[in-house]
């Protein structure tokens, strides 16, 4: 199972990367492949490609500001959460995704 996502926060520094790390670690703990694109102060990093998006069971958008390129996810199941929420709730979200799509 593969999940992709994008994280972005207003300052584009710490929380963008903390949210991405929380999702990746939660996925690793549950055996889910997770790839997260960050849109932070350093620009777009770990950019998702069409194959990543196609293979994913769903997309997790974690943002407190607009995300660039959301049209890439048209037709995919999308979960939206705030940055501070996901840092605390990444594992329960991954469990829910696993139960829903597993």
PDB file of N, CA and C in Angstrom:
ATOM      1  N   UNK A   1       0.853  -1.177   0.000  1.00  0.00           N
ATOM      2  CA  UNK A   1       0.000   0.000   0.000  1.00  0.00           C
ATOM      3  C   UNK A   1       0.892   1.232   0.000  1.00  0.00           C
ATOM      4  N   UNK A   2       0.495   2.207  -0.801  1.00  0.00           N
ATOM      5  CA  UNK A   2       1.278   3.445  -0.897  1.00  0.00           C
ATOM      6  C   UNK A   2       0.371   4.650  -0.670  1.00  0.00           C
ATOM      7  N   UNK A   3       0.880   5.600   0.107  1.00  0.00           N
ATOM      8  CA  UNK A   3       0.181   6.859   0.373  1.00  0.00           C
ATOM      9  C   UNK A   3       1.140   7.984   0.009  1.00  0.00           C
ATOM     10  N   UNK A   4       0.622   9.003  -0.653  1.00  0.00           N
ATOM     11  CA  UNK A   4       1.429  10.187  -0.951  1.00  0.00           C
ATOM     12  C   UNK A   4       0.773  11.400  -0.316  1.00  0.00           C
ATOM     13  N   UNK A   5       1.546  12.477  -0.207  1.00  0.00           N
ATOM     14  CA  UNK A   5       0.984  13.680   0.369  1.00  0.00           C
ATOM     15  C   UNK A   5       1.866  14.882   0.154  1.00  0.00           C
ATOM     16  N   UNK A   6       1.335  16.031   0.567  1.00  0.00           N
ATOM     17  CA  UNK A   6       2.052  17.296   0.488  1.00  0.00           C
ATOM     18  C   UNK A   6       1.865  17.999   1.824  1.00  0.00           C
ATOM     19  N   UNK A   7       2.966  18.538   2.370  1.00  0.00           N
ATOM     20  CA  UNK A   7       2.873  19.332   3.590  1.00  0.00           C
ATOM     21  C   UNK A   7       3.357  20.750   3.302  1.00  0.00           C
ATOM     22  N   UNK A   8       2.704  21.721   3.935  1.00  0.00           N
ATOM     23  CA  UNK A   8       3.069  23.125   3.765  1.00  0.00           C
ATOM     24  C   UNK A   8       2.500  23.933   4.927  1.00  0.00           C
ATOM     25  N   UNK A   9       3.338  24.774   5.539  1.00  0.00           N
ATOM     26  CA  UNK A   9       2.876  25.626   6.631  1.00  0.00           C
ATOM     27  C   UNK A   9       3.210  27.085   6.300  1.00  0.00           C
ATOM     28  N   UNK A  10       2.629  28.044   7.019  1.00  0.00           N
ATOM     29  CA  UNK A  10       2.820  29.456   6.683  1.00  0.00           C
ATOM     30  C   UNK A  10       4.282  29.908   6.616  1.00  0.00           C
ATOM     31  N   UNK A  11       5.100  29.496   7.567  1.00  0.00           N
ATOM     32  CA  UNK A  11       6.498  29.940   7.541  1.00  0.00           C
ATOM     33  C   UNK A  11       7.347  29.045   6.645  1.00  0.00           C
ATOM     34  N   UNK A  12       6.846  27.831   6.377  1.00  0.00           N
ATOM     35  CA  UNK A  12       7.553  26.921   5.480  1.00  0.00           C
ATOM     36  C   UNK A  12       8.824  26.347   6.064  1.00  0.00           C
ATOM     37  N   UNK A  13       8.913  26.332   7.378  1.00  0.00           N
ATOM     38  CA  UNK A  13      10.136  25.826   7.995  1.00  0.00           C
ATOM     39  C   UNK A  13       9.797  24.577   8.813  1.00  0.00           C
ATOM     40  N   UNK A  14       9.847  24.673  10.105  1.00  0.00           N
ATOM     41  CA  UNK A  14       9.790  23.499  10.980  1.00  0.00           C
ATOM     42  C   UNK A  14       8.552  22.621  10.794  1.00  0.00           C
ATOM     43  N   UNK A  15       7.359  23.190  10.861  1.00  0.00           N
ATOM     44  CA  UNK A  15       6.151  22.367  10.857  1.00  0.00           C
ATOM     45  C   UNK A  15       5.937  21.625   9.543  1.00  0.00           C
ATOM     46  N   UNK A  16       6.354  22.212   8.435  1.00  0.00           N
ATOM     47  CA  UNK A  16       6.250  21.525   7.148  1.00  0.00           C
ATOM     48  C   UNK A  16       6.983  20.189   7.221  1.00  0.00           C
ATOM     49  N   UNK A  17       8.198  20.215   7.740  1.00  0.00           N
ATOM     50  CA  UNK A  17       9.045  19.027   7.791  1.00  0.00           C
ATOM     51  C   UNK A  17       8.661  18.094   8.934  1.00  0.00           C
ATOM     52  N   UNK A  18       8.188  18.648  10.057  1.00  0.00           N
ATOM     53  CA  UNK A  18       7.729  17.819  11.172  1.00  0.00           C
ATOM     54  C   UNK A  18       6.497  17.011  10.757  1.00  0.00           C
ATOM     55  N   UNK A  19       5.602  17.645  10.019  1.00  0.00           N
ATOM     56  CA  UNK A  19       4.396  16.954   9.546  1.00  0.00           C
ATOM     57  C   UNK A  19       4.777  15.834   8.578  1.00  0.00           C
ATOM     58  N   UNK A  20       5.695  16.120   7.658  1.00  0.00           N
ATOM     59  CA  UNK A  20       6.140  15.105   6.695  1.00  0.00           C
ATOM     60  C   UNK A  20       6.772  13.922   7.423  1.00  0.00           C
ATOM     61  N   UNK A  21       7.632  14.220   8.385  1.00  0.00           N
ATOM     62  CA  UNK A  21       8.305  13.158   9.134  1.00  0.00           C
ATOM     63  C   UNK A  21       7.308  12.322   9.925  1.00  0.00           C
ATOM     64  N   UNK A  22       6.306  12.971  10.528  1.00  0.00           N
ATOM     65  CA  UNK A  22       5.291  12.241  11.294  1.00  0.00           C
ATOM     66  C   UNK A  22       4.543  11.255  10.394  1.00  0.00           C
ATOM     67  N   UNK A  23       4.199  11.668   9.193  1.00  0.00           N
ATOM     68  CA  UNK A  23       3.484  10.789   8.267  1.00  0.00           C
ATOM     69  C   UNK A  23       4.356   9.619   7.823  1.00  0.00           C
ATOM     70  N   UNK A  24       5.604   9.899   7.484  1.00  0.00           N
ATOM     71  CA  UNK A  24       6.514   8.846   7.031  1.00  0.00           C
ATOM     72  C   UNK A  24       6.753   7.826   8.148  1.00  0.00           C
ATOM     73  N   UNK A  25       6.981   8.308   9.366  1.00  0.00           N
ATOM     74  CA  UNK A  25       7.228   7.410  10.491  1.00  0.00           C
ATOM     75  C   UNK A  25       5.990   6.568  10.821  1.00  0.00           C
ATOM     76  N   UNK A  26       4.818   7.179  10.785  1.00  0.00           N
ATOM     77  CA  UNK A  26       3.580   6.437  11.043  1.00  0.00           C
ATOM     78  C   UNK A  26       3.395   5.351   9.996  1.00  0.00           C
ATOM     79  N   UNK A  27       3.658   5.691   8.744  1.00  0.00           N
ATOM     80  CA  UNK A  27       3.556   4.695   7.671  1.00  0.00           C
ATOM     81  C   UNK A  27       4.535   3.554   7.875  1.00  0.00           C
ATOM     82  N   UNK A  28       5.764   3.893   8.220  1.00  0.00           N
ATOM     83  CA  UNK A  28       6.799   2.878   8.443  1.00  0.00           C
ATOM     84  C   UNK A  28       6.383   1.919   9.561  1.00  0.00           C
ATOM     85  N   UNK A  29       5.810   2.463  10.631  1.00  0.00           N
ATOM     86  CA  UNK A  29       5.367   1.641  11.757  1.00  0.00           C
ATOM     87  C   UNK A  29       4.266   0.654  11.366  1.00  0.00           C
ATOM     88  N   UNK A  30       3.500   1.002  10.334  1.00  0.00           N
ATOM     89  CA  UNK A  30       2.367   0.165   9.918  1.00  0.00           C
ATOM     90  C   UNK A  30       2.617  -0.589   8.616  1.00  0.00           C
ATOM     91  N   UNK A  31       3.825  -0.449   8.067  1.00  0.00           N
ATOM     92  CA  UNK A  31       4.141  -1.145   6.819  1.00  0.00           C
ATOM     93  C   UNK A  31       3.524  -0.503   5.589  1.00  0.00           C
ATOM     94  N   UNK A  32       3.283   0.792   5.654  1.00  0.00           N
ATOM     95  CA  UNK A  32       2.715   1.535   4.517  1.00  0.00           C
ATOM     96  C   UNK A  32       3.831   2.372   3.904  1.00  0.00           C
ATOM     97  N   UNK A  33       3.961   2.291   2.583  1.00  0.00           N
ATOM     98  CA  UNK A  33       4.937   3.131   1.891  1.00  0.00           C
ATOM     99  C   UNK A  33       4.363   4.545   1.814  1.00  0.00           C
ATOM    100  N   UNK A  34       5.112   5.529   2.298  1.00  0.00           N
ATOM    101  CA  UNK A  34       4.641   6.909   2.323  1.00  0.00           C
ATOM    102  C   UNK A  34       5.685   7.802   1.667  1.00  0.00           C
ATOM    103  N   UNK A  35       5.243   8.603   0.711  1.00  0.00           N
ATOM    104  CA  UNK A  35       6.119   9.602   0.094  1.00  0.00           C
ATOM    105  C   UNK A  35       5.451  10.961   0.239  1.00  0.00           C
ATOM    106  N   UNK A  36       6.175  11.905   0.851  1.00  0.00           N
ATOM    107  CA  UNK A  36       5.617  13.227   1.120  1.00  0.00           C
ATOM    108  C   UNK A  36       6.440  14.300   0.424  1.00  0.00           C
ATOM    109  N   UNK A  37       5.758  15.126  -0.330  1.00  0.00           N
ATOM    110  CA  UNK A  37       6.362  16.309  -0.954  1.00  0.00           C
ATOM    111  C   UNK A  37       6.239  17.458   0.041  1.00  0.00           C
ATOM    112  N   UNK A  38       7.326  18.175   0.268  1.00  0.00           N
ATOM    113  CA  UNK A  38       7.260  19.343   1.138  1.00  0.00           C
ATOM    114  C   UNK A  38       7.309  20.601   0.286  1.00  0.00           C
ATOM    115  N   UNK A  39       6.470  21.551   0.638  1.00  0.00           N
ATOM    116  CA  UNK A  39       6.479  22.866  -0.007  1.00  0.00           C
ATOM    117  C   UNK A  39       6.769  23.867   1.095  1.00  0.00           C
ATOM    118  N   UNK A  40       8.064  24.056   1.343  1.00  0.00           N
ATOM    119  CA  UNK A  40       8.487  24.892   2.455  1.00  0.00           C
ATOM    120  C   UNK A  40       9.337  26.061   2.008  1.00  0.00           C
ATOM    121  N   UNK A  41      10.101  26.583   2.952  1.00  0.00           N
ATOM    122  CA  UNK A  41      10.948  27.731   2.705  1.00  0.00           C
ATOM    123  C   UNK A  41      11.998  27.475   1.631  1.00  0.00           C
ATOM    124  N   UNK A  42      12.376  26.207   1.455  1.00  0.00           N
ATOM    125  CA  UNK A  42      13.383  25.843   0.452  1.00  0.00           C
ATOM    126  C   UNK A  42      12.736  25.509  -0.891  1.00  0.00           C
ATOM    127  N   UNK A  43      11.449  25.786  -1.029  1.00  0.00           N
ATOM    128  CA  UNK A  43      10.740  25.456  -2.265  1.00  0.00           C
ATOM    129  C   UNK A  43      10.169  24.048  -2.186  1.00  0.00           C
ATOM    130  N   UNK A  44       9.914  23.453  -3.353  1.00  0.00           N
ATOM    131  CA  UNK A  44       9.342  22.109  -3.425  1.00  0.00           C
ATOM    132  C   UNK A  44      10.482  21.100  -3.328  1.00  0.00           C
ATOM    133  N   UNK A  45      10.348  20.193  -2.358  1.00  0.00           N
ATOM    134  CA  UNK A  45      11.334  19.126  -2.190  1.00  0.00           C
ATOM    135  C   UNK A  45      10.619  17.781  -2.200  1.00  0.00           C
ATOM    136  N   UNK A  46      11.332  16.744  -2.683  1.00  0.00           N
ATOM    137  CA  UNK A  46      10.794  15.387  -2.748  1.00  0.00           C
ATOM    138  C   UNK A  46       9.515  15.368  -3.594  1.00  0.00           C
ATOM    139  N   UNK A  47       9.558  16.069  -4.717  1.00  0.00           N
ATOM    140  CA  UNK A  47       8.373  16.263  -5.562  1.00  0.00           C
ATOM    141  C   UNK A  47       7.757  14.947  -6.010  1.00  0.00           C
ATOM    142  N   UNK A  48       6.444  14.862  -5.892  1.00  0.00           N
ATOM    143  CA  UNK A  48       5.709  13.677  -6.317  1.00  0.00           C
ATOM    144  C   UNK A  48       5.620  13.658  -7.836  1.00  0.00           C
ATOM    145  N   UNK A  49       5.856  12.494  -8.426  1.00  0.00           N
ATOM    146  CA  UNK A  49       5.696  12.387  -9.878  1.00  0.00           C
ATOM    147  C   UNK A  49       4.380  11.664 -10.186  1.00  0.00           C
ATOM    148  N   UNK A  50       4.030  11.600 -11.458  1.00  0.00           N
ATOM    149  CA  UNK A  50       2.754  11.017 -11.863  1.00  0.00           C
ATOM    150  C   UNK A  50       2.639   9.557 -11.422  1.00  0.00           C
ATOM    151  N   UNK A  51       3.737   8.805 -11.472  1.00  0.00           N
ATOM    152  CA  UNK A  51       3.724   7.398 -11.069  1.00  0.00           C
ATOM    153  C   UNK A  51       3.436   7.275  -9.574  1.00  0.00           C
ATOM    154  N   UNK A  52       4.064   8.127  -8.751  1.00  0.00           N
ATOM    155  CA  UNK A  52       3.804   8.119  -7.304  1.00  0.00           C
ATOM    156  C   UNK A  52       2.313   8.309  -7.034  1.00  0.00           C
ATOM    157  N   UNK A  53       1.742   9.296  -7.685  1.00  0.00           N
ATOM    158  CA  UNK A  53       0.334   9.646  -7.464  1.00  0.00           C
ATOM    159  C   UNK A  53      -0.576   8.520  -7.944  1.00  0.00           C
ATOM    160  N   UNK A  54      -0.272   7.952  -9.100  1.00  0.00           N
ATOM    161  CA  UNK A  54      -1.081   6.879  -9.667  1.00  0.00           C
ATOM    162  C   UNK A  54      -1.090   5.645  -8.760  1.00  0.00           C
ATOM    163  N   UNK A  55       0.060   5.312  -8.174  1.00  0.00           N
ATOM    164  CA  UNK A  55       0.181   4.115  -7.334  1.00  0.00           C
ATOM    165  C   UNK A  55      -0.445   4.286  -5.947  1.00  0.00           C
ATOM    166  N   UNK A  56      -0.700   5.507  -5.530  1.00  0.00           N
ATOM    167  CA  UNK A  56      -1.186   5.768  -4.175  1.00  0.00           C
ATOM    168  C   UNK A  56      -2.670   5.440  -4.021  1.00  0.00           C
ATOM    169  N   UNK A  57      -3.008   4.873  -2.848  1.00  0.00           N
ATOM    170  CA  UNK A  57      -4.420   4.616  -2.557  1.00  0.00           C
ATOM    171  C   UNK A  57      -5.142   5.903  -2.192  1.00  0.00           C
ATOM    172  N   UNK A  58      -4.389   6.860  -1.639  1.00  0.00           N
ATOM    173  CA  UNK A  58      -4.971   8.164  -1.335  1.00  0.00           C
ATOM    174  C   UNK A  58      -3.869   9.211  -1.164  1.00  0.00           C
ATOM    175  N   UNK A  59      -4.301  10.460  -1.100  1.00  0.00           N
ATOM    176  CA  UNK A  59      -3.405  11.605  -0.981  1.00  0.00           C
ATOM    177  C   UNK A  59      -3.732  12.328   0.321  1.00  0.00           C
ATOM    178  N   UNK A  60      -2.689  12.655   1.095  1.00  0.00           N
ATOM    179  CA  UNK A  60      -2.869  13.405   2.331  1.00  0.00           C
ATOM    180  C   UNK A  60      -2.328  14.814   2.108  1.00  0.00           C
ATOM    181  N   UNK A  61      -3.206  15.815   2.185  1.00  0.00           N
ATOM    182  CA  UNK A  61      -2.794  17.209   2.049  1.00  0.00           C
ATOM    183  C   UNK A  61      -2.801  17.832   3.435  1.00  0.00           C
ATOM    184  N   UNK A  62      -1.620  18.233   3.873  1.00  0.00           N
ATOM    185  CA  UNK A  62      -1.452  18.792   5.211  1.00  0.00           C
ATOM    186  C   UNK A  62      -0.956  20.207   5.035  1.00  0.00           C
ATOM    187  N   UNK A  63      -1.870  21.155   5.193  1.00  0.00           N
ATOM    188  CA  UNK A  63      -1.470  22.531   4.903  1.00  0.00           C
ATOM    189  C   UNK A  63      -2.277  23.547   5.680  1.00  0.00           C
ATOM    190  N   UNK A  64      -1.591  24.628   5.998  1.00  0.00           N
ATOM    191  CA  UNK A  64      -2.243  25.794   6.579  1.00  0.00           C
ATOM    192  C   UNK A  64      -2.165  26.964   5.598  1.00  0.00           C
ATOM    193  N   UNK A  65      -1.551  26.731   4.445  1.00  0.00           N
ATOM    194  CA  UNK A  65      -1.483  27.696   3.343  1.00  0.00           C
ATOM    195  C   UNK A  65      -1.753  26.927   2.055  1.00  0.00           C
ATOM    196  N   UNK A  66      -1.983  27.649   0.959  1.00  0.00           N
ATOM    197  CA  UNK A  66      -2.291  27.002  -0.318  1.00  0.00           C
ATOM    198  C   UNK A  66      -1.137  26.111  -0.781  1.00  0.00           C
ATOM    199  N   UNK A  67      -1.507  24.978  -1.337  1.00  0.00           N
ATOM    200  CA  UNK A  67      -0.534  24.041  -1.902  1.00  0.00           C
ATOM    201  C   UNK A  67      -0.507  24.234  -3.410  1.00  0.00           C
ATOM    202  N   UNK A  68       0.693  24.238  -3.955  1.00  0.00           N
ATOM    203  CA  UNK A  68       0.850  24.360  -5.409  1.00  0.00           C
ATOM    204  C   UNK A  68       0.621  22.992  -6.059  1.00  0.00           C
ATOM    205  N   UNK A  69      -0.106  22.985  -7.158  1.00  0.00           N
ATOM    206  CA  UNK A  69      -0.259  21.767  -7.949  1.00  0.00           C
ATOM    207  C   UNK A  69      -1.299  20.777  -7.475  1.00  0.00           C
ATOM    208  N   UNK A  70      -2.327  21.244  -6.761  1.00  0.00           N
ATOM    209  CA  UNK A  70      -3.347  20.306  -6.267  1.00  0.00           C
ATOM    210  C   UNK A  70      -4.121  19.635  -7.396  1.00  0.00           C
ATOM    211  N   UNK A  71      -4.134  20.233  -8.578  1.00  0.00           N
ATOM    212  CA  UNK A  71      -4.846  19.632  -9.710  1.00  0.00           C
ATOM    213  C   UNK A  71      -4.272  18.263 -10.076  1.00  0.00           C
ATOM    214  N   UNK A  72      -3.043  17.977  -9.677  1.00  0.00           N
ATOM    215  CA  UNK A  72      -2.417  16.666  -9.937  1.00  0.00           C
ATOM    216  C   UNK A  72      -3.192  15.533  -9.285  1.00  0.00           C
ATOM    217  N   UNK A  73      -3.966  15.841  -8.250  1.00  0.00           N
ATOM    218  CA  UNK A  73      -4.629  14.814  -7.460  1.00  0.00           C
ATOM    219  C   UNK A  73      -6.088  14.599  -7.848  1.00  0.00           C
ATOM    220  N   UNK A  74      -6.514  15.215  -8.936  1.00  0.00           N
ATOM    221  CA  UNK A  74      -7.899  15.076  -9.403  1.00  0.00           C
ATOM    222  C   UNK A  74      -8.220  13.593  -9.623  1.00  0.00           C
ATOM    223  N   UNK A  75      -9.336  13.154  -9.055  1.00  0.00           N
ATOM    224  CA  UNK A  75      -9.765  11.765  -9.202  1.00  0.00           C
ATOM    225  C   UNK A  75      -9.253  10.847  -8.106  1.00  0.00           C
ATOM    226  N   UNK A  76      -8.359  11.323  -7.235  1.00  0.00           N
ATOM    227  CA  UNK A  76      -7.834  10.521  -6.129  1.00  0.00           C
ATOM    228  C   UNK A  76      -8.628  10.824  -4.861  1.00  0.00           C
ATOM    229  N   UNK A  77      -8.669   9.872  -3.957  1.00  0.00           N
ATOM    230  CA  UNK A  77      -9.238  10.126  -2.631  1.00  0.00           C
ATOM    231  C   UNK A  77      -8.257  11.032  -1.901  1.00  0.00           C
ATOM    232  N   UNK A  78      -8.747  12.139  -1.349  1.00  0.00           N
ATOM    233  CA  UNK A  78      -7.886  13.118  -0.686  1.00  0.00           C
ATOM    234  C   UNK A  78      -8.343  13.334   0.750  1.00  0.00           C
ATOM    235  N   UNK A  79      -7.369  13.311   1.676  1.00  0.00           N
ATOM    236  CA  UNK A  79      -7.616  13.627   3.079  1.00  0.00           C
ATOM    237  C   UNK A  79      -6.914  14.953   3.350  1.00  0.00           C
ATOM    238  N   UNK A  80      -7.638  15.921   3.931  1.00  0.00           N
ATOM    239  CA  UNK A  80      -7.037  17.224   4.244  1.00  0.00           C
ATOM    240  C   UNK A  80      -6.992  17.414   5.755  1.00  0.00           C
ATOM    241  N   UNK A  81      -5.834  17.872   6.234  1.00  0.00           N
ATOM    242  CA  UNK A  81      -5.671  18.138   7.665  1.00  0.00           C
ATOM    243  C   UNK A  81      -4.777  19.346   7.860  1.00  0.00           C
ATOM    244  N   UNK A  82      -4.884  19.953   9.032  1.00  0.00           N
ATOM    245  CA  UNK A  82      -3.997  21.047   9.396  1.00  0.00           C
ATOM    246  C   UNK A  82      -2.648  20.507   9.848  1.00  0.00           C
ATOM    247  N   UNK A  83      -1.624  21.333   9.753  1.00  0.00           N
ATOM    248  CA  UNK A  83      -0.260  20.909  10.062  1.00  0.00           C
ATOM    249  C   UNK A  83      -0.119  20.462  11.518  1.00  0.00           C
ATOM    250  N   UNK A  84      -0.593  21.258  12.466  1.00  0.00           N
ATOM    251  CA  UNK A  84      -0.406  20.873  13.874  1.00  0.00           C
ATOM    252  C   UNK A  84      -1.220  19.632  14.221  1.00  0.00           C
ATOM    253  N   UNK A  85      -2.376  19.424  13.558  1.00  0.00           N
ATOM    254  CA  UNK A  85      -3.182  18.220  13.790  1.00  0.00           C
ATOM    255  C   UNK A  85      -2.428  16.959  13.389  1.00  0.00           C
ATOM    256  N   UNK A  86      -1.816  16.987  12.223  1.00  0.00           N
ATOM    257  CA  UNK A  86      -1.198  15.769  11.701  1.00  0.00           C
ATOM    258  C   UNK A  86       0.010  15.355  12.529  1.00  0.00           C
ATOM    259  N   UNK A  87       0.713  16.315  13.096  1.00  0.00           N
ATOM    260  CA  UNK A  87       1.888  15.974  13.901  1.00  0.00           C
ATOM    261  C   UNK A  87       1.464  15.086  15.075  1.00  0.00           C
ATOM    262  N   UNK A  88       0.282  15.360  15.622  1.00  0.00           N
ATOM    263  CA  UNK A  88      -0.232  14.571  16.750  1.00  0.00           C
ATOM    264  C   UNK A  88      -1.023  13.342  16.301  1.00  0.00           C
ATOM    265  N   UNK A  89      -1.603  13.390  15.098  1.00  0.00           N
ATOM    266  CA  UNK A  89      -2.561  12.359  14.686  1.00  0.00           C
ATOM    267  C   UNK A  89      -2.137  11.563  13.449  1.00  0.00           C
ATOM    268  N   UNK A  90      -0.856  11.552  13.125  1.00  0.00           N
ATOM    269  CA  UNK A  90      -0.397  10.843  11.920  1.00  0.00           C
ATOM    270  C   UNK A  90      -0.680   9.345  12.003  1.00  0.00           C
ATOM    271  N   UNK A  91      -0.363   8.749  13.137  1.00  0.00           N
ATOM    272  CA  UNK A  91      -0.553   7.291  13.252  1.00  0.00           C
ATOM    273  C   UNK A  91      -2.030   6.904  13.185  1.00  0.00           C
ATOM    274  N   UNK A  92      -2.936   7.564  13.936  1.00  0.00           N
ATOM    275  CA  UNK A  92      -4.357   7.208  13.789  1.00  0.00           C
ATOM    276  C   UNK A  92      -4.866   7.400  12.351  1.00  0.00           C
ATOM    277  N   UNK A  93      -4.367   8.416  11.654  1.00  0.00           N
ATOM    278  CA  UNK A  93      -4.774   8.617  10.264  1.00  0.00           C
ATOM    279  C   UNK A  93      -4.302   7.452   9.404  1.00  0.00           C
ATOM    280  N   UNK A  94      -3.060   7.033   9.578  1.00  0.00           N
ATOM    281  CA  UNK A  94      -2.530   5.921   8.786  1.00  0.00           C
ATOM    282  C   UNK A  94      -3.285   4.622   9.081  1.00  0.00           C
ATOM    283  N   UNK A  95      -3.674   4.412  10.340  1.00  0.00           N
ATOM    284  CA  UNK A  95      -4.469   3.238  10.695  1.00  0.00           C
ATOM    285  C   UNK A  95      -5.812   3.285   9.952  1.00  0.00           C
ATOM    286  N   UNK A  96      -6.426   4.457   9.935  1.00  0.00           N
ATOM    287  CA  UNK A  96      -7.728   4.613   9.244  1.00  0.00           C
ATOM    288  C   UNK A  96      -7.566   4.357   7.749  1.00  0.00           C
ATOM    289  N   UNK A  97      -6.500   4.887   7.158  1.00  0.00           N
ATOM    290  CA  UNK A  97      -6.241   4.663   5.723  1.00  0.00           C
ATOM    291  C   UNK A  97      -6.035   3.175   5.460  1.00  0.00           C
ATOM    292  N   UNK A  98      -5.276   2.526   6.329  1.00  0.00           N
ATOM    293  CA  UNK A  98      -5.010   1.097   6.174  1.00  0.00           C
ATOM    294  C   UNK A  98      -6.314   0.289   6.243  1.00  0.00           C
ATOM    295  N   UNK A  99      -7.197   0.635   7.195  1.00  0.00           N
ATOM    296  CA  UNK A  99      -8.470  -0.076   7.329  1.00  0.00           C
ATOM    297  C   UNK A  99      -9.382   0.199   6.144  1.00  0.00           C
ATOM    298  N   UNK A 100      -9.355   1.433   5.643  1.00  0.00           N
ATOM    299  CA  UNK A 100     -10.241   1.813   4.542  1.00  0.00           C
ATOM    300  C   UNK A 100      -9.804   1.219   3.211  1.00  0.00           C
ATOM    301  N   UNK A 101      -8.497   1.240   2.939  1.00  0.00           N
ATOM    302  CA  UNK A 101      -8.004   0.841   1.617  1.00  0.00           C
ATOM    303  C   UNK A 101      -7.289  -0.507   1.609  1.00  0.00           C
ATOM    304  N   UNK A 102      -7.043  -1.065   2.810  1.00  0.00           N
ATOM    305  CA  UNK A 102      -6.288  -2.315   2.895  1.00  0.00           C
ATOM    306  C   UNK A 102      -7.127  -3.470   2.522  1.00  0.00           C
TER     307      UNK A 102
END
